[in-house]
C-alpha atoms as a PDB file:
ATOM      1  CA  MET A   1     117.913  63.423 170.621  1.00  0.00           C
ATOM      2  CA  GLU A   2     116.720  62.068 167.311  1.00  0.00           C
ATOM      3  CA  ALA A   3     115.599  58.810 168.952  1.00  0.00           C
ATOM      4  CA  GLY A   4     113.235  60.743 171.239  1.00  0.00           C
ATOM      5  CA  HIS A   5     112.010  62.948 168.377  1.00  0.00           C
ATOM      6  CA  ILE A   6     113.359  66.057 170.097  1.00  0.00           C
ATOM      7  CA  GLU A   7     114.184  68.994 167.897  1.00  0.00           C
ATOM      8  CA  ALA A   8     116.788  71.525 169.001  1.00  0.00           C
ATOM      9  CA  THR A   9     115.938  75.121 168.177  1.00  0.00           C
ATOM     10  CA  GLU A  10     119.453  76.329 168.978  1.00  0.00           C
ATOM     11  CA  ARG A  11     122.762  74.523 169.193  1.00  0.00           C
ATOM     12  CA  VAL A  12     125.852  76.044 170.728  1.00  0.00           C
ATOM     13  CA  PRO A  13     129.194  74.522 169.662  1.00  0.00           C
ATOM     14  CA  ALA A  14     131.436  73.189 172.427  1.00  0.00           C
ATOM     15  CA  SER A  15     134.121  75.655 171.363  1.00  0.00           C
ATOM     16  CA  ARG A  16     131.919  78.487 172.678  1.00  0.00           C
ATOM     17  CA  LYS A  17     132.383  78.353 176.440  1.00  0.00           C
ATOM     18  CA  LEU A  18     129.285  79.410 178.396  1.00  0.00           C
ATOM     19  CA  GLN A  19     129.992  80.520 181.946  1.00  0.00           C
ATOM     20  CA  ALA A  20     128.218  81.829 185.074  1.00  0.00           C
ATOM     21  CA  ALA A  21     126.807  84.948 183.379  1.00  0.00           C
ATOM     22  CA  ASP A  22     125.298  82.766 180.647  1.00  0.00           C
ATOM     23  CA  ALA A  23     123.819  80.419 183.272  1.00  0.00           C
ATOM     24  CA  ARG A  24     122.198  83.373 185.067  1.00  0.00           C
ATOM     25  CA  ALA A  25     120.756  84.641 181.784  1.00  0.00           C
ATOM     26  CA  LEU A  26     119.216  81.222 181.077  1.00  0.00           C
ATOM     27  CA  LEU A  27     117.661  81.100 184.544  1.00  0.00           C
ATOM     28  CA  LYS A  28     115.998  84.506 184.148  1.00  0.00           C
ATOM     29  CA  SER A  29     113.562  82.967 181.666  1.00  0.00           C
ATOM     30  CA  ALA A  30     112.909  79.844 183.771  1.00  0.00           C
ATOM     31  CA  THR A  31     110.786  78.826 186.752  1.00  0.00           C
ATOM     32  CA  THR A  32     112.417  75.431 187.385  1.00  0.00           C
ATOM     33  CA  LEU A  33     115.971  74.119 187.138  1.00  0.00           C
ATOM     34  CA  ARG A  34     116.736  70.395 187.225  1.00  0.00           C
ATOM     35  CA  VAL A  35     120.373  69.352 187.429  1.00  0.00           C
ATOM     36  CA  ALA A  36     121.529  65.761 186.964  1.00  0.00           C
ATOM     37  CA  LYS A  37     124.884  64.510 188.182  1.00  0.00           C
ATOM     38  CA  GLY A  38     124.987  60.759 187.731  1.00  0.00           C
ATOM     39  CA  LYS A  39     121.887  59.277 189.348  1.00  0.00           C
ATOM     40  CA  LYS A  40     121.377  62.295 191.596  1.00  0.00           C
ATOM     41  CA  ILE A  41     118.872  64.947 190.464  1.00  0.00           C
ATOM     42  CA  ARG A  42     118.610  68.326 192.185  1.00  0.00           C
ATOM     43  CA  GLU A  43     115.652  70.599 191.584  1.00  0.00           C
ATOM     44  CA  PHE A  44     115.603  74.344 192.136  1.00  0.00           C
ATOM     45  CA  THR A  45     112.629  76.672 192.029  1.00  0.00           C
ATOM     46  CA  VAL A  46     113.748  79.823 190.297  1.00  0.00           C
ATOM     47  CA  ALA A  47     112.157  82.929 191.781  1.00  0.00           C
ATOM     48  CA  ASP A  48     112.756  86.591 191.019  1.00  0.00           C
ATOM     49  CA  LYS A  49     116.353  86.288 192.243  1.00  0.00           C
ATOM     50  CA  VAL A  50     118.691  83.650 190.820  1.00  0.00           C
ATOM     51  CA  SER A  51     120.480  81.816 193.642  1.00  0.00           C
ATOM     52  CA  LYS A  52     124.231  81.235 193.658  1.00  0.00           C
ATOM     53  CA  ASP A  53     123.578  77.545 194.442  1.00  0.00           C
ATOM     54  CA  ALA A  54     121.497  77.166 191.274  1.00  0.00           C
ATOM     55  CA  VAL A  55     124.170  78.788 189.102  1.00  0.00           C
ATOM     56  CA  ASP A  56     126.941  76.742 190.760  1.00  0.00           C
ATOM     57  CA  ALA A  57     124.990  73.517 190.119  1.00  0.00           C
ATOM     58  CA  MET A  58     124.879  74.358 186.406  1.00  0.00           C
ATOM     59  CA  LEU A  59     128.651  74.766 186.118  1.00  0.00           C
ATOM     60  CA  GLY A  60     131.297  72.080 185.831  1.00  0.00           C
ATOM     61  CA  PRO A  61     134.712  72.052 187.526  1.00  0.00           C
ATOM     62  CA  THR A  62     136.171  74.328 184.830  1.00  0.00           C
ATOM     63  CA  GLY A  63     133.515  76.984 185.458  1.00  0.00           C
ATOM     64  CA  ASN A  64     131.753  76.315 182.161  1.00  0.00           C
ATOM     65  CA  LEU A  65     128.104  75.359 181.693  1.00  0.00           C
ATOM     66  CA  ARG A  66     127.701  71.586 181.874  1.00  0.00           C
ATOM     67  CA  ALA A  67     126.396  69.677 178.880  1.00  0.00           C
ATOM     68  CA  PRO A  68     123.868  68.856 177.794  1.00  0.00           C
ATOM     69  CA  THR A  69     121.771  71.848 178.746  1.00  0.00           C
ATOM     70  CA  ALA A  70     118.217  72.105 177.458  1.00  0.00           C
ATOM     71  CA  ARG A  71     115.397  74.593 177.881  1.00  0.00           C
ATOM     72  CA  VAL A  72     111.954  73.004 177.732  1.00  0.00           C
ATOM     73  CA  GLY A  73     109.314  75.666 178.190  1.00  0.00           C
ATOM     74  CA  LYS A  74     110.163  77.323 181.503  1.00  0.00           C
ATOM     75  CA  THR A  75     112.294  74.403 182.731  1.00  0.00           C
ATOM     76  CA  ILE A  76     116.075  74.222 182.352  1.00  0.00           C
ATOM     77  CA  LEU A  77     117.684  70.759 182.333  1.00  0.00           C
ATOM     78  CA  VAL A  78     121.427  70.421 182.939  1.00  0.00           C
ATOM     79  CA  GLY A  79     123.411  67.203 182.682  1.00  0.00           C
ATOM     80  CA  PHE A  80     122.130  63.862 181.526  1.00  0.00           C
ATOM     81  CA  ASN A  81     120.079  61.347 183.444  1.00  0.00           C
ATOM     82  CA  ASP A  82     117.812  59.005 181.492  1.00  0.00           C
ATOM     83  CA  GLU A  83     115.091  59.145 184.168  1.00  0.00           C
ATOM     84  CA  LEU A  84     115.105  62.952 184.107  1.00  0.00           C
ATOM     85  CA  TYR A  85     114.742  63.152 180.333  1.00  0.00           C
ATOM     86  CA  GLN A  86     112.090  60.413 180.256  1.00  0.00           C
ATOM     87  CA  GLY A  87     110.068  62.426 182.780  1.00  0.00           C
ATOM     88  CA  VAL A  88     110.209  65.538 180.601  1.00  0.00           C
ATOM     89  CA  PHE A  89     110.095  64.078 177.092  1.00  0.00           C
ATOM     90  CA  GLY A  90     108.450  60.725 178.005  1.00  0.00           C
END
């Protein structure tokens, strides 16, 4: 993140496992969710109700929040895809 001059305001250690309830809490403050898995990027519009599909997309096979996860304004980014991050942090 240093190469892109991005400053983290909060870092959560990997030893603290964030799960579905944490994912829902993150989405309550967002309007858009973008999830990257490899080259595939899924985008969700977050309305008043948080969808199960959106929460499930944020979680890995162990049921924990996938890394990296970033909140940029009202957008939540989950997973890494260079194209996705270039589009946001360009």
